[in-house]
Protein backbone atom coordinates (compact mmCIF):
# COMPACT_ATOMS: atom_id res chain seq x y z
CA MET A 1 -14.34 5.99 56.56
CA THR A 2 -14.10 8.22 53.46
CA GLY A 3 -17.76 7.87 52.47
CA LEU A 4 -16.61 6.91 48.94
CA ASN A 5 -17.72 3.68 47.31
CA ILE A 6 -14.79 3.06 44.96
CA LEU A 7 -15.05 0.24 42.43
CA PRO A 8 -12.31 -2.35 43.03
CA HIS A 9 -11.58 -2.88 39.32
CA GLY A 10 -11.97 -1.24 35.93
CA ALA A 11 -10.32 -1.20 32.52
CA LEU A 12 -9.42 2.38 33.45
CA ASP A 13 -8.61 3.46 36.99
CA PHE A 14 -8.82 7.16 36.20
CA VAL A 15 -10.07 9.32 33.31
CA SER A 16 -9.54 13.08 32.99
CA LEU A 17 -11.49 15.50 30.80
CA GLY A 18 -9.73 18.73 29.86
CA ALA A 19 -7.69 20.67 27.31
CA LEU A 20 -4.14 19.69 26.44
CA VAL A 21 -1.60 22.52 26.25
CA HIS A 22 2.09 22.96 25.66
CA ARG A 23 4.16 25.21 27.89
CA LEU A 24 7.14 27.11 26.51
CA ASP A 25 9.48 27.45 29.48
CA THR A 26 12.48 29.78 29.31
CA GLY A 27 13.79 28.72 32.73
CA VAL A 28 15.33 31.52 34.80
CA VAL A 29 15.50 33.88 31.79
CA PRO A 30 12.53 36.31 31.52
CA PHE A 31 10.48 35.48 28.42
CA ARG A 32 11.15 38.89 26.85
CA ASN A 33 14.91 38.17 26.92
CA ALA A 34 14.76 34.50 25.91
CA THR A 35 16.52 32.93 22.94
CA GLU A 36 15.49 29.33 23.65
CA CYS A 37 12.97 27.35 25.67
CA ARG A 38 11.90 23.87 26.75
CA ILE A 39 8.51 22.48 25.73
CA HIS A 40 6.38 20.77 28.39
CA VAL A 41 3.10 19.04 27.57
CA SER A 42 0.53 19.88 30.21
CA GLY A 43 -3.06 20.69 31.15
CA GLY A 44 -4.52 21.02 34.66
CA GLU A 45 -6.76 17.99 34.21
CA PHE A 46 -4.32 15.99 32.08
CA ASN A 47 -1.46 16.34 34.59
CA CYS A 48 -3.36 14.20 37.11
CA ALA A 49 -3.84 11.38 34.57
CA ALA A 50 -0.17 11.59 33.55
CA ASN A 51 1.08 11.59 37.16
CA LEU A 52 -1.11 8.62 38.05
CA ALA A 53 0.19 6.68 35.04
CA GLN A 54 3.86 7.67 35.37
CA CYS A 55 4.46 7.52 39.11
CA PHE A 56 1.55 5.53 40.52
CA ARG A 57 1.30 2.93 37.72
CA LEU A 58 -2.46 3.25 37.24
CA LYS A 59 -4.36 2.76 33.98
CA THR A 60 -5.44 6.27 32.98
CA GLY A 61 -7.07 8.08 30.08
CA ILE A 62 -7.50 11.64 28.79
CA VAL A 63 -10.59 12.89 26.96
CA SER A 64 -9.60 15.98 24.98
CA ALA A 65 -9.42 17.88 21.70
CA MET A 66 -6.60 17.30 19.24
CA ALA A 67 -5.69 19.62 16.38
CA ASP A 68 -4.07 17.78 13.49
CA TYR A 69 -0.86 19.72 12.85
CA PRO A 70 2.74 19.42 14.11
CA VAL A 71 2.06 20.97 17.53
CA GLY A 72 -0.78 18.50 18.01
CA GLU A 73 1.50 15.65 16.96
CA LEU A 74 4.11 16.74 19.50
CA ILE A 75 1.49 16.75 22.25
CA ALA A 76 -0.06 13.43 21.17
CA ASN A 77 3.39 11.80 21.12
CA SER A 78 4.06 13.01 24.65
CA VAL A 79 0.66 11.76 25.91
CA GLN A 80 1.45 8.35 24.42
CA ALA A 81 4.96 8.33 25.94
CA MET A 82 3.49 9.05 29.37
CA GLY A 83 1.29 5.95 29.10
CA VAL A 84 -2.05 7.81 29.10
CA ARG A 85 -4.75 6.41 26.81
CA PRO A 86 -6.14 9.15 24.56
CA PHE A 87 -9.77 9.72 23.56
CA TYR A 88 -9.64 12.61 21.09
CA LYS A 89 -12.09 14.68 19.10
CA HIS A 90 -9.94 15.66 16.13
CA PHE A 91 -9.95 19.09 14.50
CA LYS A 92 -8.31 19.86 11.16
CA HIS A 93 -5.88 22.79 11.37
CA ASN A 94 -6.31 25.15 8.41
CA GLY A 95 -2.60 25.97 8.17
CA VAL A 96 -3.10 29.61 9.16
CA ASN A 97 -5.13 30.40 12.27
CA GLY A 98 -6.24 27.12 13.75
CA PRO A 99 -7.93 25.54 15.52
CA ASN A 100 -4.85 25.56 17.74
CA MET A 101 -3.46 23.69 20.71
CA ALA A 102 -3.17 26.26 23.50
CA THR A 103 0.22 27.71 24.41
CA VAL A 104 1.34 28.63 27.92
CA PHE A 105 4.40 30.88 28.18
CA SER A 106 6.40 30.91 31.40
CA ASP A 107 9.64 31.74 33.09
CA ARG A 108 10.23 30.30 36.50
CA GLY A 109 11.75 33.36 38.19
CA GLN A 110 14.51 33.16 40.77
CA GLY A 111 14.88 34.34 44.36
CA VAL A 112 13.02 37.63 44.80
CA ARG A 113 11.83 37.54 41.15
CA PRO A 114 8.52 35.65 40.90
CA PRO A 115 7.49 33.25 38.11
CA VAL A 116 5.54 34.76 35.21
CA VAL A 117 2.83 32.85 33.31
CA PHE A 118 0.68 34.03 30.39
CA TYR A 119 -1.32 32.32 27.65
CA ASN A 120 -2.30 32.21 24.03
CA ARG A 121 -5.59 30.29 23.96
CA SER A 122 -6.85 31.95 20.77
CA ASN A 123 -9.07 29.66 18.64
CA GLU A 124 -8.25 26.76 20.94
CA ALA A 125 -9.45 23.32 19.88
CA GLY A 126 -10.34 22.48 23.51
CA GLY A 127 -12.79 25.37 23.66
CA LEU A 128 -14.65 24.04 20.60
CA LEU A 129 -15.65 20.80 22.36
CA LYS A 130 -19.38 20.42 22.90
CA ALA A 131 -21.87 17.88 24.26
CA GLY A 132 -22.21 14.92 21.91
CA ASP A 133 -18.56 14.95 20.78
CA PHE A 134 -17.62 11.82 22.76
CA ASP A 135 -19.04 8.31 22.96
CA TRP A 136 -18.97 8.04 26.75
CA PRO A 137 -20.41 4.49 26.96
CA ALA A 138 -17.57 3.33 24.69
CA ILE A 139 -14.92 5.18 26.74
CA PHE A 140 -16.21 3.65 29.97
CA ALA A 141 -17.10 0.26 28.45
CA GLY A 142 -14.55 -1.78 30.43
CA GLY A 143 -15.33 0.02 33.68
CA VAL A 144 -13.94 3.24 35.13
CA ARG A 145 -13.16 3.87 38.81
CA TRP A 146 -12.59 7.64 38.91
CA PHE A 147 -13.49 10.59 36.64
CA HIS A 148 -11.86 14.01 36.94
CA SER A 149 -12.22 17.47 35.43
CA GLY A 150 -11.51 21.04 36.43
CA GLY A 151 -12.41 24.69 36.53
CA ILE A 152 -9.88 25.57 33.83
CA PHE A 153 -11.74 23.48 31.25
CA ALA A 154 -15.09 24.80 32.51
CA ALA A 155 -13.94 28.37 31.83
CA LEU A 156 -12.74 27.84 28.25
CA SER A 157 -16.01 28.44 26.36
CA GLN A 158 -19.80 28.45 26.47
CA THR A 159 -19.89 24.75 25.49
CA THR A 160 -17.19 23.09 27.63
CA PRO A 161 -19.33 23.02 30.83
CA ASP A 162 -21.90 20.92 28.90
CA VAL A 163 -19.15 18.41 28.08
CA ILE A 164 -18.17 18.17 31.76
CA VAL A 165 -21.78 17.62 32.86
CA GLU A 166 -22.30 14.98 30.16
CA GLY A 167 -19.06 13.20 31.11
CA MET A 168 -19.87 13.29 34.82
CA GLN A 169 -23.37 11.93 34.26
CA ALA A 170 -21.98 9.05 32.19
CA ALA A 171 -19.19 8.38 34.71
CA LYS A 172 -21.65 8.42 37.60
CA ALA A 173 -23.84 5.92 35.73
CA ALA A 174 -20.74 3.72 35.30
CA GLY A 175 -20.14 3.79 39.07
CA ALA A 176 -17.12 6.11 39.08
CA ILE A 177 -16.10 8.56 41.80
CA ILE A 178 -16.27 12.14 40.47
CA SER A 179 -13.66 14.76 41.32
CA LEU A 180 -13.21 18.40 40.35
CA ASP A 181 -10.22 20.69 40.86
CA LEU A 182 -11.66 24.20 41.02
CA ASN A 183 -8.35 25.72 39.82
CA TYR A 184 -9.93 29.19 39.70
CA ARG A 185 -8.05 31.22 37.09
CA ALA A 186 -9.17 34.86 37.19
CA LYS A 187 -7.72 35.59 33.71
CA LEU A 188 -9.85 32.83 32.13
CA TRP A 189 -13.08 33.61 33.99
CA ASN A 190 -12.69 37.39 33.45
CA ILE A 191 -13.08 36.94 29.69
CA ALA A 192 -15.73 34.23 30.15
CA GLY A 193 -18.16 36.42 32.11
CA GLY A 194 -16.49 36.98 35.48
CA GLU A 195 -17.16 35.52 38.93
CA GLU A 196 -20.94 35.58 38.50
CA ARG A 197 -20.76 33.28 35.49
CA ALA A 198 -18.18 31.08 37.22
CA VAL A 199 -20.57 30.47 40.12
CA ALA A 200 -23.51 29.73 37.78
CA VAL A 201 -21.46 27.37 35.58
CA LEU A 202 -19.80 25.52 38.43
CA ASP A 203 -23.09 25.15 40.32
CA ARG A 204 -24.33 22.91 37.47
CA ILE A 205 -21.15 20.81 37.65
CA LEU A 206 -20.64 20.59 41.40
CA LYS A 207 -23.87 18.68 42.03
CA TYR A 208 -22.18 15.58 40.54
CA VAL A 209 -18.93 15.93 42.51
CA ASP A 210 -17.79 13.62 45.35
CA VAL A 211 -14.24 14.95 45.84
CA LEU A 212 -13.39 18.64 45.56
CA VAL A 213 -9.92 20.20 45.38
CA GLY A 214 -9.59 23.93 46.01
CA ASN A 215 -8.19 26.54 48.38
CA GLU A 216 -10.07 29.30 50.21
CA GLU A 217 -10.03 31.65 47.21
CA ASP A 218 -11.15 28.85 44.85
CA LEU A 219 -14.07 28.04 47.16
CA GLN A 220 -15.14 31.67 47.57
CA LYS A 221 -14.99 32.60 43.88
CA SER A 222 -16.21 29.30 42.43
CA LEU A 223 -19.08 28.65 44.85
CA GLY A 224 -19.97 32.26 45.63
CA ILE A 225 -19.65 31.73 49.38
CA PRO A 226 -18.31 34.32 51.84
CA GLY A 227 -14.74 34.24 53.05
CA PRO A 228 -13.87 32.72 56.42
CA GLU A 229 -14.97 34.58 59.54
CA MET A 230 -11.60 33.98 61.13
CA ALA A 231 -8.66 35.17 59.05
CA ALA A 232 -5.80 32.70 58.80
CA LYS A 233 -2.83 33.58 61.01
CA SER A 234 -0.53 32.48 58.19
CA LYS A 235 -0.75 30.79 54.80
CA LEU A 236 -0.09 27.50 56.63
CA ASP A 237 -2.96 27.92 59.10
CA PRO A 238 -5.78 25.55 58.06
CA SER A 239 -8.46 27.08 60.33
CA ALA A 240 -9.78 29.50 57.69
CA PHE A 241 -10.07 26.70 55.11
CA PHE A 242 -11.85 24.38 57.55
CA GLY A 243 -14.07 27.30 58.60
CA MET A 244 -15.51 27.44 55.08
CA ILE A 245 -16.41 23.75 54.76
CA ASP A 246 -19.85 24.09 56.38
CA ASN A 247 -20.86 26.58 53.69
CA VAL A 248 -19.51 24.30 50.96
CA ILE A 249 -21.48 21.30 52.25
CA LYS A 250 -24.63 23.43 52.71
CA LYS A 251 -24.49 24.24 49.00
CA GLN A 252 -23.37 20.79 47.82
CA PRO A 253 -24.31 18.23 50.50
CA GLN A 254 -23.23 15.22 48.43
CA ILE A 255 -19.53 16.25 48.56
CA LYS A 256 -17.62 13.82 50.78
CA ILE A 257 -14.09 15.26 50.57
CA VAL A 258 -12.55 18.72 50.20
CA ALA A 259 -8.75 19.08 50.09
CA THR A 260 -6.10 21.66 49.29
CA THR A 261 -2.43 22.52 49.58
CA LEU A 262 -1.10 25.19 51.95
CA ARG A 263 1.91 27.14 50.76
CA GLU A 264 3.89 29.99 52.30
CA VAL A 265 6.14 31.53 49.63
CA HIS A 266 9.30 32.95 51.19
CA SER A 267 10.98 33.40 47.81
CA THR A 268 10.55 31.85 44.38
CA ASN A 269 12.82 28.98 45.39
CA ARG A 270 11.88 28.63 49.05
CA HIS A 271 8.40 27.51 50.10
CA SER A 272 6.88 26.08 53.25
CA TRP A 273 4.46 23.39 52.12
CA SER A 274 1.60 21.51 53.73
CA ALA A 275 -1.84 20.14 52.83
CA VAL A 276 -5.20 19.65 54.53
CA ALA A 277 -8.35 17.63 53.90
CA TRP A 278 -11.90 17.45 55.22
CA VAL A 279 -13.01 13.84 54.78
CA ASN A 280 -16.60 12.91 55.58
CA GLY A 281 -16.74 15.18 58.64
CA GLN A 282 -13.16 14.58 59.88
CA THR A 283 -10.22 16.97 59.40
CA TYR A 284 -6.64 15.99 58.57
CA ALA A 285 -3.42 17.97 58.18
CA ALA A 286 -0.10 16.96 56.64
CA PRO A 287 3.23 17.99 58.18
CA THR A 288 5.02 21.12 56.98
CA ALA A 289 8.08 20.70 54.75
CA GLU A 290 10.56 23.34 53.68
CA LEU A 291 10.92 23.07 49.91
CA ASP A 292 13.80 24.11 47.67
CA VAL A 293 11.70 24.72 44.56
CA TYR A 294 13.02 24.16 41.05
CA ASP A 295 9.75 24.69 39.12
CA ARG A 296 6.53 25.26 41.06
CA ILE A 297 4.11 24.77 38.15
CA GLY A 298 2.17 21.53 38.49
CA GLY A 299 2.69 21.17 42.25
CA GLY A 300 -1.03 21.44 42.98
CA ASP A 301 -1.85 18.80 40.37
CA GLY A 302 0.91 16.69 41.91
CA PHE A 303 -0.83 16.93 45.28
CA ALA A 304 -4.26 16.08 43.79
CA SER A 305 -2.99 13.02 41.92
CA GLY A 306 -1.09 11.62 44.92
CA PHE A 307 -4.16 12.17 47.12
CA PHE A 308 -6.45 10.49 44.56
CA TYR A 309 -4.02 7.56 44.33
CA GLY A 310 -4.15 7.07 48.10
CA LEU A 311 -7.95 7.00 48.03
CA LEU A 312 -8.03 4.63 45.02
CA ALA A 313 -5.49 2.37 46.76
CA GLY A 314 -7.65 2.13 49.88
CA GLU A 315 -5.24 4.02 52.14
CA THR A 316 -6.52 5.81 55.24
CA PRO A 317 -7.50 9.47 54.69
CA GLU A 318 -4.43 10.57 56.65
CA GLN A 319 -2.09 8.42 54.54
CA ALA A 320 -3.78 9.51 51.29
CA LEU A 321 -3.23 13.14 52.31
CA ARG A 322 0.42 12.46 53.10
CA LEU A 323 0.94 10.77 49.72
CA GLY A 324 -0.54 13.80 47.96
CA TRP A 325 1.55 16.19 50.05
CA ALA A 326 4.72 14.17 49.40
CA HIS A 327 4.13 13.83 45.67
CA GLY A 328 3.31 17.53 45.23
CA ALA A 329 6.50 18.42 47.11
CA LEU A 330 8.62 16.15 44.94
CA LEU A 331 7.02 17.49 41.75
CA THR A 332 8.37 20.98 42.49
CA THR A 333 11.90 19.57 42.25
CA PHE A 334 11.54 18.57 38.56
CA PRO A 335 11.33 20.60 35.36
CA GLY A 336 7.94 20.51 33.66
CA ASP A 337 4.39 19.99 34.87
CA VAL A 338 4.34 16.19 35.10
CA THR A 339 6.04 13.97 37.66
CA MET A 340 9.42 12.30 37.39
CA ALA A 341 9.11 10.73 40.86
CA THR A 342 8.79 7.04 41.61
CA LEU A 343 6.17 5.56 43.93
CA GLU A 344 8.98 4.40 46.23
CA GLU A 345 10.31 7.99 46.52
CA VAL A 346 6.82 9.30 47.28
CA ARG A 347 6.19 6.70 49.98
CA ALA A 348 9.61 7.33 51.57
CA PHE A 349 8.98 11.08 51.74
CA ALA A 350 5.41 10.56 53.00
CA GLU A 351 6.77 8.43 55.84
CA GLY A 352 9.17 11.19 56.91
CA GLY A 353 12.20 10.27 54.87
CA SER A 354 13.36 13.88 54.79
CA ALA A 355 15.23 15.64 57.59
CA ARG A 356 13.32 18.78 56.62
CA VAL A 357 9.94 17.53 57.78
CA GLN A 358 8.81 19.45 60.87
CA ARG A 359 6.75 17.28 63.18
């Protein structure tokens, strides 16, 4: 039905490759006016592994860089607390300028005031990773069912795409399904060589990918394909997204699944939320829910991890999509980038447990 041949067992259900970061979150106070903040451990690729361990009770791992200094210790402690198995390449911090663990600064906005996010990824340990840094056969020794990475990690340096390709080749040889979240970040690619380099880099990676996560803009800028012929009537109209799939599959015919969230932002705290998937030639759409958003960061990763869980659990494509949609929706109700939902809450919402679901 899905076209995926998922291994039934493995010492690890899911392994992510990507940089770990910490987000300094000042809540509703603009960063420039802040006197205090919360610290959230995060990373586009890591969030999926953490969500799948925390909420969906899978055995997950993270392959990443770790700088040996107090910020690194804070992050490593959080990874351990979330139940994710770490596979680190360690870097010694020199006490002055790194290598560092990347910092994301954010305030979540309120009402008509949008969220603001900016970075300090200077001398980031994650960007120093290169092919040969990890013993992939050892990581995958007990079997691995799913391997995941993303466009954020691909954009970090000249060497990180080589690590992704190496990891995907090893995972493919171990029988794992390969997924990639395009997560196109213009700020990162602009300093890494722009859209042209993004297309060239991702072309090398995409040939290994079975399951792709990305919206219309991600697909256009990451694959270098034209925008949809028919403009979407609204942000919740899936026709433009589905209209691009033929071009995606022409470029990468081995891809079996492409999925994304659909979000209409009415205000910072009020979103209409849906999700769509193209699965082996069939199209699926989730319902639309009206969300009261607490913190939107991580919602997309919440969708991806719930969707991946459904596929790993052998659910139908429609049910897998609903689980992703439900989990992403719930994730926006919590502080931080990683889930605090239970599997029971996700299943209840996916089955229409909310009066706000529009059928």
